[in-house]
């Protein structure tokens, strides 16, 4: 199955190369397929970076130029933050990348004014821009693109609530199942870099109290874990600020913290049940262990957030040792 998928993706590269990309730009697209894409993607977002962007690049000029810009950068960067930051100054060394970046932005603005424009085009471009700016070490610009993507998602959801039938030129399955999870996975990082609290509310559904939480795949557990992680990071940031400024907590904030801790407990029980009842592959076992390790970290931070003594963390040592 993997080989067939690679052959299909390779065919996509050839189609895009022959019909839309000219000259030396073909090498950047080939580099992306063989090197850049695999290094950028992970277990839970491989299909997006390996297939979705290449499929959309066939028909959408803005996505094509954005992908070429990302490929140019990935091919020229050493991978160190120092070189990435110095590259922001040495623009002359990134002329090809900047050219495609600007073309992508221009084409996207023009595309958004057309009746046939679909929001997933803008969202895919946003994700590529976020990745590109993060690789450059330009986190303020990455956050700007991230906020733009959240605005598009918010508009899409508001429109979906107002329209009873399927909207023209919109693929809700692609947005809900492919693109939205990618934004969800990056909310915690965005919170660290100052994402306003109101931007987090678009995807904040958690199990409540003793409500049963069931995972059918390791992907379900991953997305649920990210939702909880986003909730915890937001609370840590907001309550942590009050600890420093010595402001009083509200009853609502304390209840949110208690809910967050309870949600983490429900999540862990669901994952353990999934592990017991499912014949996991070796790759999924590694993924589940990683999720549990991150869960313990977030659970400890949330449950110990309001305590002043560092020794209170010692009671969680056994959990760390078990993982």
Protein backbone atom coordinates (compact mmCIF):
# COMPACT_ATOMS: atom_id res chain seq x y z
CA UNK A 1 0.00 0.00 0.00
CA UNK A 2 2.82 2.38 0.82
CA UNK A 3 4.53 1.66 -2.50
CA UNK A 4 1.30 2.26 -4.40
CA UNK A 5 0.84 5.55 -2.57
CA UNK A 6 4.34 6.64 -3.48
CA UNK A 7 3.79 5.77 -7.12
CA UNK A 8 0.58 7.79 -7.14
CA UNK A 9 2.29 10.78 -5.53
CA UNK A 10 5.24 10.51 -7.91
CA UNK A 11 2.80 10.64 -10.83
CA UNK A 12 1.32 13.82 -9.35
CA UNK A 13 4.79 15.37 -9.22
CA UNK A 14 5.35 14.53 -12.90
CA UNK A 15 1.97 15.97 -13.91
CA UNK A 16 2.64 19.22 -12.06
CA UNK A 17 6.20 19.38 -13.37
CA UNK A 18 5.33 18.86 -17.02
CA UNK A 19 2.31 21.10 -17.27
CA UNK A 20 2.78 23.87 -14.71
CA UNK A 21 6.45 24.15 -13.69
CA UNK A 22 9.19 25.25 -16.05
CA UNK A 23 12.99 25.16 -16.07
CA UNK A 24 14.97 24.80 -12.87
CA UNK A 25 11.81 24.98 -10.74
CA UNK A 26 11.18 21.31 -11.50
CA UNK A 27 14.16 20.39 -9.32
CA UNK A 28 12.55 22.13 -6.34
CA UNK A 29 9.34 20.18 -6.72
CA UNK A 30 11.27 16.91 -7.03
CA UNK A 31 13.32 17.85 -3.96
CA UNK A 32 10.14 18.50 -2.02
CA UNK A 33 8.71 15.09 -2.92
CA UNK A 34 11.86 13.11 -2.14
CA UNK A 35 13.33 15.12 0.78
CA UNK A 36 11.44 18.20 1.95
CA UNK A 37 7.96 16.71 2.35
CA UNK A 38 9.07 13.59 4.25
CA UNK A 39 11.15 15.70 6.66
CA UNK A 40 8.32 18.16 7.30
CA UNK A 41 5.59 15.56 7.82
CA UNK A 42 4.99 13.27 10.76
CA UNK A 43 2.90 10.21 11.50
CA UNK A 44 -0.40 12.07 11.74
CA UNK A 45 -0.03 14.59 8.90
CA UNK A 46 1.87 12.62 6.25
CA UNK A 47 -1.02 12.51 3.76
CA UNK A 48 -1.40 16.27 3.82
CA UNK A 49 2.24 17.04 3.03
CA UNK A 50 2.74 14.07 0.69
CA UNK A 51 -0.53 14.19 -1.26
CA UNK A 52 -2.93 17.03 -0.52
CA UNK A 53 -0.56 19.88 -1.32
CA UNK A 54 0.65 18.17 -4.50
CA UNK A 55 -2.89 17.47 -5.65
CA UNK A 56 -3.96 21.04 -5.08
CA UNK A 57 -0.79 22.40 -6.71
CA UNK A 58 -1.96 20.85 -9.99
CA UNK A 59 -4.94 23.20 -10.28
CA UNK A 60 -4.25 26.10 -7.89
CA UNK A 61 -1.50 28.53 -8.91
CA UNK A 62 -1.24 30.07 -5.44
CA UNK A 63 -0.63 26.67 -3.83
CA UNK A 64 1.89 25.79 -6.56
CA UNK A 65 3.97 28.92 -5.95
CA UNK A 66 3.69 28.51 -2.16
CA UNK A 67 4.94 24.92 -2.46
CA UNK A 68 7.80 26.00 -4.72
CA UNK A 69 8.78 28.69 -2.21
CA UNK A 70 8.82 26.13 0.59
CA UNK A 71 10.82 23.72 -1.56
CA UNK A 72 13.38 26.41 -2.41
CA UNK A 73 13.83 27.21 1.26
CA UNK A 74 14.07 23.57 2.34
CA UNK A 75 16.70 22.91 -0.34
CA UNK A 76 18.86 25.89 0.64
CA UNK A 77 18.62 25.80 4.44
CA UNK A 78 21.08 23.93 6.65
CA UNK A 79 18.44 23.36 9.31
CA UNK A 80 19.99 25.48 12.06
CA UNK A 81 18.12 28.38 13.65
CA UNK A 82 21.21 30.59 13.30
CA UNK A 83 21.28 30.15 9.53
CA UNK A 84 17.51 30.59 9.31
CA UNK A 85 17.66 33.91 11.15
CA UNK A 86 20.62 35.17 9.12
CA UNK A 87 18.72 34.24 5.98
CA UNK A 88 16.09 36.85 6.86
CA UNK A 89 18.78 39.49 6.36
CA UNK A 90 20.53 37.92 3.36
CA UNK A 91 17.46 38.13 1.10
CA UNK A 92 19.65 38.04 -2.02
CA UNK A 93 20.48 34.40 -1.24
CA UNK A 94 16.78 33.54 -1.25
CA UNK A 95 15.72 35.36 -4.39
CA UNK A 96 13.94 32.37 -5.96
CA UNK A 97 12.10 31.59 -2.74
CA UNK A 98 11.01 35.22 -2.25
CA UNK A 99 9.83 35.40 -5.87
CA UNK A 100 7.57 32.37 -5.50
CA UNK A 101 6.42 33.53 -2.06
CA UNK A 102 5.29 36.89 -3.44
CA UNK A 103 3.63 35.23 -6.43
CA UNK A 104 1.75 32.90 -4.10
CA UNK A 105 0.46 35.81 -2.02
CA UNK A 106 -0.58 37.76 -5.12
CA UNK A 107 -2.28 34.78 -6.73
CA UNK A 108 -4.10 33.95 -3.50
CA UNK A 109 -5.51 37.46 -3.16
CA UNK A 110 -6.73 37.33 -6.76
CA UNK A 111 -8.15 33.84 -6.30
CA UNK A 112 -10.13 34.87 -3.23
CA UNK A 113 -11.98 37.45 -5.35
CA UNK A 114 -13.17 34.82 -7.83
CA UNK A 115 -16.62 33.18 -7.49
CA UNK A 116 -15.08 29.70 -7.71
CA UNK A 117 -12.75 30.29 -4.74
CA UNK A 118 -12.94 27.64 -2.02
CA UNK A 119 -11.69 28.22 1.55
CA UNK A 120 -9.47 25.12 1.55
CA UNK A 121 -7.23 26.87 -1.01
CA UNK A 122 -6.53 29.68 1.43
CA UNK A 123 -6.09 27.24 4.33
CA UNK A 124 -3.57 25.09 2.46
CA UNK A 125 -1.62 28.22 1.51
CA UNK A 126 -1.71 29.37 5.15
CA UNK A 127 -0.27 26.05 6.34
CA UNK A 128 2.53 26.20 3.77
CA UNK A 129 3.28 29.83 4.72
CA UNK A 130 3.32 28.89 8.43
CA UNK A 131 5.78 26.10 7.75
CA UNK A 132 7.94 28.33 5.57
CA UNK A 133 8.14 31.18 8.09
CA UNK A 134 8.81 28.75 10.94
CA UNK A 135 11.73 27.27 9.01
CA UNK A 136 13.03 30.79 8.50
CA UNK A 137 12.81 31.46 12.24
CA UNK A 138 10.32 34.26 11.55
CA UNK A 139 7.75 33.29 14.17
CA UNK A 140 5.82 36.58 14.17
CA UNK A 141 5.02 36.14 10.48
CA UNK A 142 4.15 32.47 11.07
CA UNK A 143 1.68 33.49 13.80
CA UNK A 144 0.14 36.09 11.47
CA UNK A 145 -0.51 33.41 8.85
CA UNK A 146 -1.85 31.10 11.56
CA UNK A 147 -4.34 33.72 12.71
CA UNK A 148 -5.43 34.24 9.10
CA UNK A 149 -6.09 30.52 8.83
CA UNK A 150 -8.16 30.54 12.03
CA UNK A 151 -10.18 33.46 10.64
CA UNK A 152 -10.89 31.45 7.49
CA UNK A 153 -11.96 28.45 9.59
CA UNK A 154 -14.21 30.65 11.75
CA UNK A 155 -15.86 32.14 8.64
CA UNK A 156 -16.30 28.66 7.17
CA UNK A 157 -17.97 27.37 10.34
CA UNK A 158 -20.26 30.41 10.60
CA UNK A 159 -21.26 29.98 6.98
CA UNK A 160 -21.88 26.25 7.47
CA UNK A 161 -24.30 27.01 10.31
CA UNK A 162 -26.28 29.36 8.07
CA UNK A 163 -26.44 27.07 5.00
CA UNK A 164 -28.59 23.94 5.23
CA UNK A 165 -27.31 22.21 2.08
CA UNK A 166 -23.76 21.66 0.82
CA UNK A 167 -22.06 24.93 -0.10
CA UNK A 168 -20.89 25.40 -3.65
CA UNK A 169 -17.09 25.10 -4.23
CA UNK A 170 -16.53 23.92 -0.64
CA UNK A 171 -15.22 20.51 0.44
CA UNK A 172 -16.22 20.32 4.14
CA UNK A 173 -14.77 16.82 4.51
CA UNK A 174 -11.33 18.04 3.50
CA UNK A 175 -11.50 21.02 5.87
CA UNK A 176 -12.88 19.05 8.83
CA UNK A 177 -10.86 15.85 8.42
CA UNK A 178 -7.56 17.00 6.92
CA UNK A 179 -6.94 20.71 7.46
CA UNK A 180 -8.62 21.48 10.79
CA UNK A 181 -6.60 18.82 12.68
CA UNK A 182 -3.38 20.45 11.47
CA UNK A 183 -4.45 23.79 12.93
CA UNK A 184 -5.53 22.05 16.14
CA UNK A 185 -2.09 20.46 16.53
CA UNK A 186 -0.42 23.85 16.33
CA UNK A 187 -2.62 25.82 18.73
CA UNK A 188 -0.42 25.09 21.76
CA UNK A 189 2.63 26.51 19.99
CA UNK A 190 0.61 29.53 18.88
CA UNK A 191 -0.56 30.09 22.47
CA UNK A 192 3.07 30.23 23.60
CA UNK A 193 3.73 32.90 20.98
CA UNK A 194 0.76 35.00 22.07
CA UNK A 195 -2.32 33.70 20.27
CA UNK A 196 -5.33 35.51 21.85
CA UNK A 197 -7.67 33.32 23.90
CA UNK A 198 -10.68 33.98 21.67
CA UNK A 199 -8.98 32.24 18.75
CA UNK A 200 -8.86 28.94 20.64
CA UNK A 201 -12.60 28.53 21.14
CA UNK A 202 -13.37 27.23 17.64
CA UNK A 203 -12.30 23.67 18.54
CA UNK A 204 -12.74 23.14 22.27
CA UNK A 205 -14.90 20.04 22.67
CA UNK A 206 -13.84 17.77 25.52
CA UNK A 207 -15.37 14.85 27.43
CA UNK A 208 -17.24 16.16 30.46
CA UNK A 209 -17.18 14.55 33.89
CA UNK A 210 -17.65 10.77 33.63
CA UNK A 211 -18.73 10.92 29.99
CA UNK A 212 -17.30 7.94 28.14
CA UNK A 213 -14.49 8.71 25.72
CA UNK A 214 -13.83 6.10 23.01
CA UNK A 215 -10.90 5.96 20.60
CA UNK A 216 -11.21 3.84 17.46
CA UNK A 217 -7.77 4.75 16.10
CA UNK A 218 -4.53 6.19 17.43
CA UNK A 219 -5.36 9.28 15.36
CA UNK A 220 -8.50 9.79 17.48
CA UNK A 221 -6.37 9.70 20.62
CA UNK A 222 -3.88 12.14 19.12
CA UNK A 223 -6.49 14.73 18.15
CA UNK A 224 -8.20 14.44 21.53
CA UNK A 225 -4.84 14.84 23.27
CA UNK A 226 -4.15 18.00 21.30
CA UNK A 227 -7.53 19.45 22.29
CA UNK A 228 -6.69 18.83 25.95
CA UNK A 229 -3.17 20.16 25.49
CA UNK A 230 -4.55 23.36 23.99
CA UNK A 231 -6.93 23.75 26.92
CA UNK A 232 -4.11 23.16 29.42
CA UNK A 233 -1.71 25.58 27.74
CA UNK A 234 -4.33 28.30 27.72
CA UNK A 235 -5.04 27.80 31.42
CA UNK A 236 -1.34 27.67 32.26
CA UNK A 237 -0.77 30.93 30.43
CA UNK A 238 -3.77 32.75 31.90
CA UNK A 239 -3.49 31.48 35.49
CA UNK A 240 0.29 31.62 35.41
CA UNK A 241 0.07 35.32 34.62
CA UNK A 242 -2.18 35.84 37.64
CA UNK A 243 0.27 33.95 39.85
CA UNK A 244 3.02 36.36 38.81
CA UNK A 245 0.86 39.48 39.17
CA UNK A 246 -0.82 38.09 42.32
CA UNK A 247 -4.29 38.70 40.91
CA UNK A 248 -7.16 36.65 42.42
CA UNK A 249 -8.58 33.73 40.44
CA UNK A 250 -12.22 33.70 39.46
CA UNK A 251 -14.53 30.81 40.30
CA UNK A 252 -14.92 30.18 36.57
CA UNK A 253 -11.16 29.84 36.10
CA UNK A 254 -10.84 27.41 39.01
CA UNK A 255 -13.69 25.33 37.59
CA UNK A 256 -12.02 25.28 34.16
CA UNK A 257 -8.84 24.03 35.79
CA UNK A 258 -10.72 21.29 37.64
CA UNK A 259 -12.45 20.30 34.38
CA UNK A 260 -9.12 20.22 32.57
CA UNK A 261 -7.66 17.82 35.15
CA UNK A 262 -10.77 15.62 34.96
CA UNK A 263 -10.64 15.58 31.15
CA UNK A 264 -7.03 14.37 31.26
CA UNK A 265 -8.04 11.49 33.54
CA UNK A 266 -10.87 10.50 31.19
CA UNK A 267 -8.49 10.66 28.22
CA UNK A 268 -5.92 8.38 29.85
CA UNK A 269 -8.56 5.77 30.73
CA UNK A 270 -9.78 5.82 27.14
CA UNK A 271 -6.28 5.37 25.73
CA UNK A 272 -5.52 2.48 28.10
CA UNK A 273 -8.80 0.82 27.10
CA UNK A 274 -7.90 1.29 23.42
CA UNK A 275 -4.47 -0.29 24.01
CA UNK A 276 -5.98 -3.30 25.80
CA UNK A 277 -8.61 -3.98 23.15
CA UNK A 278 -6.62 -3.23 19.98
CA UNK A 279 -3.83 -5.14 18.27
CA UNK A 280 -1.52 -2.17 17.77
CA UNK A 281 1.29 -2.06 15.25
CA UNK A 282 4.81 -1.34 16.50
CA UNK A 283 4.50 2.18 15.11
CA UNK A 284 1.22 2.76 16.96
CA UNK A 285 2.72 1.43 20.20
CA UNK A 286 5.47 4.04 19.93
CA UNK A 287 2.90 6.74 19.15
CA UNK A 288 0.73 5.73 22.12
CA UNK A 289 3.74 5.84 24.46
CA UNK A 290 4.64 9.29 23.18
CA UNK A 291 1.07 10.49 23.74
CA UNK A 292 1.10 9.15 27.31
CA UNK A 293 4.42 10.85 28.06
CA UNK A 294 3.08 14.20 26.87
CA UNK A 295 -0.16 13.55 28.76
CA UNK A 296 1.73 13.10 32.04
CA UNK A 297 3.61 16.37 31.50
CA UNK A 298 0.44 18.34 30.81
CA UNK A 299 -1.46 16.64 33.64
CA UNK A 300 1.30 17.44 36.12
CA UNK A 301 1.49 21.07 35.01
CA UNK A 302 -2.30 21.49 35.23
CA UNK A 303 -2.73 19.73 38.58
CA UNK A 304 0.25 21.48 40.21
CA UNK A 305 -0.33 24.89 38.62
CA UNK A 306 -1.58 26.69 41.72
CA UNK A 307 0.84 25.08 44.17
CA UNK A 308 3.88 27.02 45.32
CA UNK A 309 6.28 24.23 46.37
CA UNK A 310 8.37 22.35 43.80
CA UNK A 311 8.32 19.24 46.00
CA UNK A 312 4.65 18.78 45.10
CA UNK A 313 5.83 17.46 41.72
CA UNK A 314 7.59 14.51 43.38
CA UNK A 315 4.36 12.57 43.76
CA UNK A 316 4.32 12.09 39.97
CA UNK A 317 7.75 10.46 39.74
CA UNK A 318 6.28 6.96 39.52
CA UNK A 319 4.23 7.97 36.48
CA UNK A 320 7.35 9.18 34.70
CA UNK A 321 9.23 5.99 35.59
CA UNK A 322 6.37 3.83 34.32
CA UNK A 323 6.48 5.51 30.91
